[in-house]
């Protein structure tokens, strides 16, 4: 029998150790950076002795890193999550230290000197944490820092949980077995049947090294579950309840709280958070204003002249489309087709006779979509999001494709994840639209500011190289 360890404090010590190490590294990098740029004009931005600014750098880094925290010690964590933490840490540190250094006249925080230091520090800290993560994984693979688990119940959720805990040995979990009222032939054979739920407490008494207990027994066994919880609470065993939703839903769910009441949601919704909404809307306003006040007037003049020469009719084309919460709005575009009666009902095709040569060029390069920055500034659209569909398409496809209307939980965009991953243009078959909807839902569930920037980059790259589906 293994001796019980104070494993809850392990994470705190790792967190403190990493932050302390990084604080020393931040100071050392700053010192070396100052020495290397001593005779460089960049260094002239310092208005106080280097040791004074060094002390502020060290203190601010420690405060920022402690607040943001560390995730590399977690059992299941990915490289992008570690790098995201580093990025948030550097941004927080950069703002805090920059304000103090600038207001105290120690250093010009708006200088290339300070900005370059932050970039260097980000790269070093990302490599440092990824290296530490690799060490932690190797240590657990060799049998260190293990956590022993028992399962109570053998539902489909518990089978999936078993695989999540054991498929990668670097997580350091060891599932000792499962309890249920009778053995389950569908349960993985590597997981030992330990007996009925009535035997759980006796097993825990004999195996005091058990760290975690996951239970999926139905609520009708409430008294038995309560006795197991009481024992776990009094003997430092973490108890987790696993809801069995597989009877009616084969989909990942997310835990939330309203006051003291827990509930499960169908999907993660990052854009429902106030901070993310503010960030996205601020970016939309700044980005659209910059474009509309700089490049757009020049593009408009060129488009207006060529359009008037090549085809009669207005320069702009507006069309009702479905937006946030299925509300209708007028979407603006540069007109790329001859004036026709089917504009609101018929989707553009590859060799559409309604298009002109100039219209083809605009569609290939996405120029026709640029007036939608006006929609973005008005708040009808976002720079990035699911593309808004014609009213007729929304009415038709919402009856044919399951979860089609989920795409209306966020603002539509000028460009989107589906558009940069091959689902742009004409939807010849139902499966094409299904693929687009799956991409839209994936974007809603995985939104991040970095993802928006990546989609914008891919859109610009595709516009430069041309897209075969752009017609």
Protein backbone atom coordinates (compact mmCIF):
# COMPACT_ATOMS: atom_id res chain seq x y z
CA UNK A 1 0.00 0.00 0.00
CA UNK A 2 1.41 3.37 -1.03
CA UNK A 3 1.64 6.21 1.44
CA UNK A 4 -0.82 9.02 0.74
CA UNK A 5 0.89 12.18 -0.41
CA UNK A 6 -0.24 15.79 -0.19
CA UNK A 7 -0.80 15.87 -3.94
CA UNK A 8 -2.94 19.02 -3.89
CA UNK A 9 0.05 21.11 -2.84
CA UNK A 10 2.14 19.66 -5.69
CA UNK A 11 0.53 21.91 -8.29
CA UNK A 12 1.01 24.98 -6.11
CA UNK A 13 4.69 24.25 -5.66
CA UNK A 14 5.18 23.63 -9.37
CA UNK A 15 3.37 26.88 -10.15
CA UNK A 16 5.56 28.82 -7.70
CA UNK A 17 8.75 27.12 -8.91
CA UNK A 18 8.02 27.94 -12.57
CA UNK A 19 7.10 31.55 -11.79
CA UNK A 20 10.24 32.07 -9.68
CA UNK A 21 12.46 30.55 -12.38
CA UNK A 22 10.84 32.70 -15.06
CA UNK A 23 11.19 35.82 -12.91
CA UNK A 24 14.94 35.20 -12.70
CA UNK A 25 15.04 34.53 -16.45
CA UNK A 26 13.09 37.75 -17.19
CA UNK A 27 15.61 39.73 -15.16
CA UNK A 28 18.61 37.96 -16.70
CA UNK A 29 17.32 38.49 -20.25
CA UNK A 30 16.72 42.18 -19.54
CA UNK A 31 20.22 42.58 -18.07
CA UNK A 32 21.90 40.84 -21.03
CA UNK A 33 19.73 42.76 -23.48
CA UNK A 34 20.78 46.06 -21.90
CA UNK A 35 24.44 45.05 -22.01
CA UNK A 36 24.26 44.00 -25.67
CA UNK A 37 22.55 47.26 -26.68
CA UNK A 38 24.66 49.51 -24.47
CA UNK A 39 26.08 51.50 -27.39
CA UNK A 40 22.96 51.15 -29.50
CA UNK A 41 20.51 54.06 -30.03
CA UNK A 42 17.74 51.79 -28.75
CA UNK A 43 19.34 51.84 -25.30
CA UNK A 44 19.10 55.62 -25.14
CA UNK A 45 15.41 55.23 -24.36
CA UNK A 46 16.41 54.42 -20.75
CA UNK A 47 16.13 57.46 -18.49
CA UNK A 48 17.35 55.86 -15.25
CA UNK A 49 20.08 53.47 -14.08
CA UNK A 50 19.59 50.00 -15.48
CA UNK A 51 19.40 48.35 -12.04
CA UNK A 52 16.35 50.44 -11.10
CA UNK A 53 14.40 49.41 -14.19
CA UNK A 54 15.64 45.82 -13.71
CA UNK A 55 14.07 45.71 -10.23
CA UNK A 56 10.74 46.94 -11.63
CA UNK A 57 10.92 44.36 -14.45
CA UNK A 58 11.47 41.51 -11.99
CA UNK A 59 8.70 42.56 -9.59
CA UNK A 60 6.17 43.19 -12.37
CA UNK A 61 6.93 39.86 -14.03
CA UNK A 62 6.43 37.96 -10.76
CA UNK A 63 3.07 39.68 -10.14
CA UNK A 64 1.82 39.11 -13.70
CA UNK A 65 2.96 35.47 -13.83
CA UNK A 66 1.35 34.62 -10.48
CA UNK A 67 -1.94 36.13 -11.62
CA UNK A 68 -2.01 34.36 -15.01
CA UNK A 69 -0.76 31.04 -13.65
CA UNK A 70 0.82 27.95 -15.18
CA UNK A 71 -0.86 24.99 -16.87
CA UNK A 72 2.10 22.85 -17.96
CA UNK A 73 1.77 20.53 -14.93
CA UNK A 74 -1.84 19.59 -15.73
CA UNK A 75 -2.51 15.99 -16.68
CA UNK A 76 -4.00 16.79 -20.09
CA UNK A 77 -2.79 19.99 -21.66
CA UNK A 78 -1.64 20.85 -25.17
CA UNK A 79 1.21 22.95 -26.49
CA UNK A 80 -1.08 25.70 -27.83
CA UNK A 81 -2.65 26.09 -24.37
CA UNK A 82 0.78 26.52 -22.79
CA UNK A 83 1.79 29.09 -25.41
CA UNK A 84 -1.52 30.94 -24.95
CA UNK A 85 -0.79 31.22 -21.22
CA UNK A 86 2.69 32.56 -21.99
CA UNK A 87 1.21 35.12 -24.39
CA UNK A 88 -1.33 36.33 -21.81
CA UNK A 89 1.44 36.49 -19.23
CA UNK A 90 3.73 38.58 -21.45
CA UNK A 91 0.89 40.93 -22.42
CA UNK A 92 -0.08 41.47 -18.79
CA UNK A 93 3.53 41.92 -17.75
CA UNK A 94 4.25 44.22 -20.69
CA UNK A 95 1.34 46.53 -19.83
CA UNK A 96 2.03 46.58 -16.07
CA UNK A 97 5.78 47.10 -16.34
CA UNK A 98 5.39 49.49 -19.27
CA UNK A 99 3.02 51.77 -17.33
CA UNK A 100 5.25 51.88 -14.25
CA UNK A 101 8.46 52.38 -16.24
CA UNK A 102 6.90 55.07 -18.43
CA UNK A 103 5.07 56.96 -15.68
CA UNK A 104 8.15 56.82 -13.42
CA UNK A 105 10.30 58.01 -16.34
CA UNK A 106 12.61 55.01 -16.02
CA UNK A 107 12.16 53.91 -19.62
CA UNK A 108 10.29 54.82 -22.79
CA UNK A 109 7.76 51.97 -22.90
CA UNK A 110 6.67 52.99 -26.42
CA UNK A 111 10.14 52.37 -27.80
CA UNK A 112 11.39 49.64 -30.12
CA UNK A 113 13.83 48.74 -27.33
CA UNK A 114 11.03 47.70 -24.95
CA UNK A 115 8.89 46.05 -27.63
CA UNK A 116 11.80 43.93 -28.86
CA UNK A 117 12.55 42.86 -25.28
CA UNK A 118 8.97 41.61 -24.90
CA UNK A 119 9.18 39.60 -28.13
CA UNK A 120 12.48 38.01 -27.08
CA UNK A 121 11.03 37.25 -23.64
CA UNK A 122 7.91 35.64 -25.15
CA UNK A 123 10.02 33.29 -27.31
CA UNK A 124 12.29 32.32 -24.40
CA UNK A 125 9.39 31.74 -21.97
CA UNK A 126 7.45 29.68 -24.52
CA UNK A 127 10.48 27.44 -25.11
CA UNK A 128 11.12 27.23 -21.37
CA UNK A 129 7.59 26.08 -20.53
CA UNK A 130 7.42 23.64 -23.44
CA UNK A 131 10.72 22.14 -22.28
CA UNK A 132 9.41 21.82 -18.73
CA UNK A 133 6.23 20.20 -20.05
CA UNK A 134 8.31 17.66 -21.93
CA UNK A 135 10.22 16.87 -18.72
CA UNK A 136 6.97 16.46 -16.72
CA UNK A 137 5.55 14.09 -19.34
CA UNK A 138 8.75 12.04 -19.36
CA UNK A 139 8.76 11.88 -15.55
CA UNK A 140 5.19 10.58 -15.46
CA UNK A 141 5.88 8.05 -18.20
CA UNK A 142 8.65 6.64 -16.00
CA UNK A 143 6.17 6.16 -13.13
CA UNK A 144 6.58 9.40 -11.20
CA UNK A 145 3.80 11.61 -9.87
CA UNK A 146 1.08 8.99 -10.46
CA UNK A 147 -2.58 9.39 -9.55
CA UNK A 148 -4.69 6.33 -8.75
CA UNK A 149 -8.33 6.27 -9.86
CA UNK A 150 -11.38 4.07 -9.35
CA UNK A 151 -14.60 4.21 -11.37
CA UNK A 152 -18.09 3.55 -10.00
CA UNK A 153 -20.48 2.68 -12.81
CA UNK A 154 -19.82 1.38 -16.32
CA UNK A 155 -21.93 3.57 -18.59
CA UNK A 156 -20.70 4.72 -22.00
CA UNK A 157 -19.50 7.95 -20.40
CA UNK A 158 -17.33 5.95 -18.01
CA UNK A 159 -15.88 3.89 -20.84
CA UNK A 160 -14.93 7.07 -22.65
CA UNK A 161 -13.51 8.46 -19.41
CA UNK A 162 -11.36 5.37 -18.97
CA UNK A 163 -9.80 5.91 -22.40
CA UNK A 164 -9.27 9.61 -21.73
CA UNK A 165 -7.40 8.77 -18.53
CA UNK A 166 -5.28 5.90 -19.84
CA UNK A 167 -4.71 6.21 -23.60
CA UNK A 168 -1.72 8.52 -23.05
CA UNK A 169 0.60 7.28 -20.34
CA UNK A 170 2.16 10.73 -19.83
CA UNK A 171 -1.00 11.87 -18.01
CA UNK A 172 0.11 9.76 -15.06
CA UNK A 173 -3.29 8.23 -14.29
CA UNK A 174 -3.61 4.61 -13.18
CA UNK A 175 -7.19 3.32 -13.21
CA UNK A 176 -7.37 0.50 -10.65
CA UNK A 177 -10.72 -0.81 -11.88
CA UNK A 178 -14.47 -0.22 -11.83
CA UNK A 179 -17.46 -1.03 -9.62
CA UNK A 180 -20.95 -1.79 -10.87
CA UNK A 181 -23.89 -3.96 -9.88
CA UNK A 182 -22.63 -6.57 -12.34
CA UNK A 183 -19.66 -6.91 -14.70
CA UNK A 184 -20.05 -5.09 -18.03
CA UNK A 185 -18.86 -7.09 -21.03
CA UNK A 186 -18.55 -3.90 -23.07
CA UNK A 187 -16.13 -2.32 -20.61
CA UNK A 188 -12.42 -2.43 -21.61
CA UNK A 189 -10.89 -5.71 -20.48
CA UNK A 190 -7.78 -3.93 -19.21
CA UNK A 191 -9.96 -2.32 -16.54
CA UNK A 192 -10.54 -4.78 -13.68
CA UNK A 193 -14.02 -5.38 -12.23
CA UNK A 194 -13.70 -4.66 -8.50
CA UNK A 195 -17.18 -5.55 -7.25
CA UNK A 196 -20.54 -3.91 -6.58
CA UNK A 197 -20.94 -0.27 -5.46
CA UNK A 198 -21.64 -1.49 -1.92
CA UNK A 199 -17.99 -2.63 -1.79
CA UNK A 200 -16.52 0.77 -2.71
CA UNK A 201 -15.93 2.00 0.86
CA UNK A 202 -14.27 -1.27 1.91
CA UNK A 203 -11.99 -1.03 -1.13
CA UNK A 204 -11.04 2.56 -0.30
CA UNK A 205 -10.20 1.55 3.27
CA UNK A 206 -7.84 -1.12 1.99
CA UNK A 207 -6.33 1.10 -0.74
CA UNK A 208 -5.58 4.43 0.91
CA UNK A 209 -3.50 5.55 -2.02
CA UNK A 210 -6.63 6.20 -4.12
CA UNK A 211 -6.67 9.82 -5.26
CA UNK A 212 -9.77 10.19 -7.45
CA UNK A 213 -13.18 8.49 -7.61
CA UNK A 214 -15.52 9.03 -10.58
CA UNK A 215 -19.16 8.01 -10.11
CA UNK A 216 -21.90 7.63 -12.74
CA UNK A 217 -24.54 5.79 -10.69
CA UNK A 218 -28.13 6.95 -11.37
CA UNK A 219 -29.88 9.22 -8.87
CA UNK A 220 -32.09 6.34 -7.65
CA UNK A 221 -29.00 5.15 -5.77
CA UNK A 222 -28.84 8.46 -3.92
CA UNK A 223 -28.28 7.01 -0.44
CA UNK A 224 -25.43 4.80 -1.62
CA UNK A 225 -23.84 7.70 -3.54
CA UNK A 226 -24.10 9.93 -0.44
CA UNK A 227 -22.32 7.37 1.73
CA UNK A 228 -19.49 7.14 -0.82
CA UNK A 229 -19.26 10.96 -0.96
CA UNK A 230 -19.12 11.18 2.85
CA UNK A 231 -16.28 8.67 3.00
CA UNK A 232 -14.34 10.43 0.23
CA UNK A 233 -14.79 13.83 1.87
CA UNK A 234 -13.52 12.51 5.21
CA UNK A 235 -10.54 10.62 3.75
CA UNK A 236 -9.11 13.10 1.23
CA UNK A 237 -10.36 11.30 -1.89
CA UNK A 238 -11.58 13.58 -4.68
CA UNK A 239 -15.15 12.62 -5.66
CA UNK A 240 -16.44 13.48 -9.14
CA UNK A 241 -19.94 12.88 -10.47
CA UNK A 242 -20.13 11.90 -14.15
CA UNK A 243 -23.58 12.61 -15.66
CA UNK A 244 -24.83 9.95 -18.04
CA UNK A 245 -26.12 11.97 -20.99
CA UNK A 246 -25.38 9.32 -23.62
CA UNK A 247 -28.94 8.02 -23.35
CA UNK A 248 -30.14 11.04 -25.30
CA UNK A 249 -27.09 12.98 -26.51
CA UNK A 250 -23.88 11.80 -28.18
CA UNK A 251 -22.14 15.14 -27.90
CA UNK A 252 -19.61 16.79 -25.64
CA UNK A 253 -21.18 19.03 -22.97
CA UNK A 254 -19.83 21.87 -20.83
CA UNK A 255 -20.30 22.58 -17.14
CA UNK A 256 -21.65 25.98 -16.06
CA UNK A 257 -23.09 27.62 -12.97
CA UNK A 258 -25.97 30.03 -12.43
CA UNK A 259 -25.48 31.16 -8.86
CA UNK A 260 -25.31 27.91 -6.92
CA UNK A 261 -27.13 25.87 -9.57
CA UNK A 262 -25.01 23.73 -11.92
CA UNK A 263 -26.07 23.00 -15.49
CA UNK A 264 -24.64 21.49 -18.67
CA UNK A 265 -24.53 23.36 -21.96
CA UNK A 266 -24.38 21.76 -25.41
CA UNK A 267 -21.29 23.63 -26.54
CA UNK A 268 -18.60 25.98 -25.44
CA UNK A 269 -19.49 29.54 -26.42
CA UNK A 270 -16.47 31.86 -25.96
CA UNK A 271 -18.24 34.81 -27.58
CA UNK A 272 -20.94 34.81 -24.89
CA UNK A 273 -18.35 36.15 -22.44
CA UNK A 274 -18.41 39.91 -22.01
CA UNK A 275 -14.64 40.36 -22.30
CA UNK A 276 -14.49 38.43 -25.57
CA UNK A 277 -17.43 40.38 -26.98
CA UNK A 278 -15.70 43.67 -26.16
CA UNK A 279 -12.41 42.46 -27.67
CA UNK A 280 -14.05 41.29 -30.91
CA UNK A 281 -16.23 44.39 -31.30
CA UNK A 282 -13.29 46.72 -30.58
CA UNK A 283 -11.21 44.96 -33.22
CA UNK A 284 -14.10 45.16 -35.70
CA UNK A 285 -14.48 48.92 -35.20
CA UNK A 286 -10.76 49.68 -35.37
CA UNK A 287 -10.11 47.38 -38.35
CA UNK A 288 -13.11 48.59 -40.37
CA UNK A 289 -12.41 52.27 -39.63
CA UNK A 290 -8.78 51.93 -40.68
CA UNK A 291 -9.78 50.24 -43.93
CA UNK A 292 -12.67 52.55 -44.75
CA UNK A 293 -10.56 55.67 -44.11
CA UNK A 294 -7.47 54.54 -46.03
CA UNK A 295 -7.71 51.93 -48.80
CA UNK A 296 -11.46 51.87 -49.39
CA UNK A 297 -11.79 55.35 -51.02
CA UNK A 298 -9.10 54.45 -53.57
CA UNK A 299 -10.66 51.05 -54.30
CA UNK A 300 -14.11 52.63 -54.55
CA UNK A 301 -12.98 55.14 -57.19
CA UNK A 302 -11.39 52.39 -59.32
CA UNK A 303 -14.40 50.06 -58.95
CA UNK A 304 -16.88 52.86 -59.68
CA UNK A 305 -15.12 53.87 -62.90
CA UNK A 306 -14.69 50.31 -64.24
CA UNK A 307 -18.20 49.26 -63.22
CA UNK A 308 -19.82 52.23 -64.95
CA UNK A 309 -17.79 51.52 -68.11
CA UNK A 310 -18.50 47.76 -68.22
CA UNK A 311 -22.14 47.49 -67.10
CA UNK A 312 -25.08 49.84 -66.57
CA UNK A 313 -26.69 50.16 -63.16
CA UNK A 314 -25.67 51.04 -59.59
CA UNK A 315 -22.17 50.51 -58.18
CA UNK A 316 -23.41 48.94 -54.96
CA UNK A 317 -25.63 45.91 -54.54
CA UNK A 318 -27.57 45.37 -51.33
CA UNK A 319 -29.40 42.23 -50.35
CA UNK A 320 -31.36 41.13 -47.28
CA UNK A 321 -29.60 38.40 -45.35
CA UNK A 322 -29.93 36.65 -41.99
CA UNK A 323 -27.65 37.81 -39.19
CA UNK A 324 -27.26 37.53 -35.42
CA UNK A 325 -30.26 35.79 -33.80
CA UNK A 326 -31.72 35.34 -37.31
CA UNK A 327 -32.44 39.07 -37.62
CA UNK A 328 -32.53 40.40 -41.18
CA UNK A 329 -30.19 43.15 -42.41
CA UNK A 330 -29.05 44.63 -45.70
CA UNK A 331 -25.64 43.27 -46.76
CA UNK A 332 -23.62 45.58 -49.03
CA UNK A 333 -21.41 44.49 -51.94
CA UNK A 334 -19.89 45.94 -55.08
CA UNK A 335 -22.18 44.83 -57.91
CA UNK A 336 -20.49 42.05 -59.91
CA UNK A 337 -23.49 41.02 -62.03
CA UNK A 338 -25.81 42.60 -64.51
CA UNK A 339 -29.03 43.85 -62.96
CA UNK A 340 -31.35 40.80 -62.87
CA UNK A 341 -34.56 39.60 -61.25
CA UNK A 342 -32.94 36.47 -59.71
CA UNK A 343 -30.37 38.29 -57.57
CA UNK A 344 -32.17 37.44 -54.31
CA UNK A 345 -33.02 33.83 -55.12
CA UNK A 346 -30.34 32.29 -57.35
CA UNK A 347 -26.79 31.61 -56.14
CA UNK A 348 -23.86 32.52 -58.41
CA UNK A 349 -22.44 29.59 -60.39
CA UNK A 350 -19.10 29.01 -62.13
CA UNK A 351 -20.16 30.09 -65.61
CA UNK A 352 -23.03 32.32 -64.54
CA UNK A 353 -24.15 34.43 -67.58
CA UNK A 354 -25.20 37.24 -65.23
CA UNK A 355 -21.57 37.99 -64.33
CA UNK A 356 -19.27 40.25 -66.32
CA UNK A 357 -15.52 39.87 -66.81
CA UNK A 358 -14.97 42.69 -64.34
CA UNK A 359 -17.38 41.00 -61.94
CA UNK A 360 -15.35 37.79 -62.19
CA UNK A 361 -12.17 39.66 -61.29
CA UNK A 362 -13.83 41.24 -58.26
CA UNK A 363 -15.15 37.89 -57.06
CA UNK A 364 -11.80 36.12 -57.54
CA UNK A 365 -10.03 38.76 -55.46
CA UNK A 366 -12.86 39.30 -52.91
CA UNK A 367 -13.06 42.98 -53.91
CA UNK A 368 -16.85 42.69 -54.22
CA UNK A 369 -17.10 41.93 -50.48
CA UNK A 370 -15.23 45.06 -49.30
CA UNK A 371 -18.31 47.30 -48.82
CA UNK A 372 -19.31 44.91 -46.04
CA UNK A 373 -16.85 46.78 -43.81
CA UNK A 374 -19.69 49.33 -43.67
CA UNK A 375 -21.88 46.54 -42.23
CA UNK A 376 -19.12 45.77 -39.74
CA UNK A 377 -18.92 49.40 -38.60
CA UNK A 378 -22.72 49.52 -38.27
CA UNK A 379 -22.67 46.38 -36.11
CA UNK A 380 -24.62 44.11 -38.46
CA UNK A 381 -21.53 41.99 -39.20
CA UNK A 382 -18.07 41.15 -37.90
CA UNK A 383 -14.80 40.95 -39.82
CA UNK A 384 -14.74 37.19 -39.13
CA UNK A 385 -17.75 34.92 -38.69
CA UNK A 386 -20.10 32.60 -40.58
CA UNK A 387 -20.96 34.05 -43.99
CA UNK A 388 -24.51 35.51 -44.08
CA UNK A 389 -26.87 33.61 -46.37
CA UNK A 390 -29.75 34.82 -48.50
CA UNK A 391 -33.18 34.63 -46.85
CA UNK A 392 -34.27 31.97 -49.32
CA UNK A 393 -31.28 29.76 -48.52
CA UNK A 394 -31.81 30.09 -44.77
CA UNK A 395 -35.44 29.09 -45.14
CA UNK A 396 -34.61 26.07 -47.31
CA UNK A 397 -31.49 24.72 -45.60
CA UNK A 398 -32.79 25.17 -42.05
CA UNK A 399 -35.35 22.45 -42.91
CA UNK A 400 -32.78 20.12 -44.49
CA UNK A 401 -29.68 20.41 -42.28
CA UNK A 402 -29.66 19.64 -38.57
CA UNK A 403 -28.25 22.47 -36.40
CA UNK A 404 -28.20 24.86 -39.37
CA UNK A 405 -29.53 27.74 -37.26
CA UNK A 406 -26.68 27.45 -34.71
CA UNK A 407 -24.62 29.66 -37.04
CA UNK A 408 -26.90 32.57 -36.12
CA UNK A 409 -25.73 32.59 -32.48
CA UNK A 410 -22.93 34.97 -33.58
CA UNK A 411 -22.65 37.86 -36.02
CA UNK A 412 -21.99 36.89 -39.63
CA UNK A 413 -18.59 37.79 -41.08
CA UNK A 414 -16.94 39.11 -44.20
CA UNK A 415 -14.81 35.98 -44.10
CA UNK A 416 -14.98 32.82 -42.01
CA UNK A 417 -13.44 29.49 -41.12
CA UNK A 418 -15.49 27.59 -43.70
CA UNK A 419 -14.46 30.00 -46.44
CA UNK A 420 -10.71 29.54 -45.83
CA UNK A 421 -10.97 25.76 -45.48
CA UNK A 422 -12.51 24.95 -48.86
CA UNK A 423 -16.22 25.69 -48.46
CA UNK A 424 -16.42 28.94 -50.34
CA UNK A 425 -18.58 29.51 -53.41
CA UNK A 426 -21.45 27.55 -54.92
CA UNK A 427 -22.99 24.73 -52.89
CA UNK A 428 -23.83 22.22 -55.62
CA UNK A 429 -24.78 19.40 -53.26
CA UNK A 430 -26.37 19.29 -49.81
CA UNK A 431 -23.13 17.86 -48.40
CA UNK A 432 -21.31 21.05 -49.44
CA UNK A 433 -23.63 23.14 -47.30
CA UNK A 434 -23.43 20.58 -44.48
CA UNK A 435 -19.64 20.90 -44.54
CA UNK A 436 -19.94 24.69 -44.40
CA UNK A 437 -22.32 24.51 -41.42
CA UNK A 438 -20.02 22.13 -39.53
CA UNK A 439 -17.18 24.59 -40.11
CA UNK A 440 -19.30 27.50 -38.86
CA UNK A 441 -20.25 25.61 -35.68
CA UNK A 442 -16.60 24.60 -35.11
CA UNK A 443 -15.64 28.29 -35.34
CA UNK A 444 -18.31 29.32 -32.81
CA UNK A 445 -17.14 26.68 -30.34
CA UNK A 446 -13.40 27.37 -30.76
CA UNK A 447 -13.36 31.13 -31.21
CA UNK A 448 -10.27 33.00 -30.11
CA UNK A 449 -8.76 36.31 -31.14
CA UNK A 450 -5.77 34.42 -32.54
CA UNK A 451 -8.09 32.28 -34.67
CA UNK A 452 -9.68 35.43 -36.13
CA UNK A 453 -6.24 36.78 -37.05
CA UNK A 454 -5.33 33.46 -38.69
CA UNK A 455 -8.54 33.47 -40.76
CA UNK A 456 -7.85 37.04 -41.90
CA UNK A 457 -4.33 36.01 -42.92
CA UNK A 458 -5.65 32.99 -44.85
CA UNK A 459 -8.26 35.17 -46.57
CA UNK A 460 -5.65 37.68 -47.73
CA UNK A 461 -3.34 34.87 -48.89
CA UNK A 462 -6.17 33.22 -50.83
CA UNK A 463 -7.13 36.53 -52.43
CA UNK A 464 -3.53 37.05 -53.62
CA UNK A 465 -3.17 33.55 -55.01
CA UNK A 466 -6.75 33.29 -56.28
CA UNK A 467 -9.39 30.71 -55.34
CA UNK A 468 -10.90 28.13 -57.66
CA UNK A 469 -14.25 28.32 -55.80
CA UNK A 470 -14.45 32.12 -55.97
CA UNK A 471 -17.17 32.77 -58.56
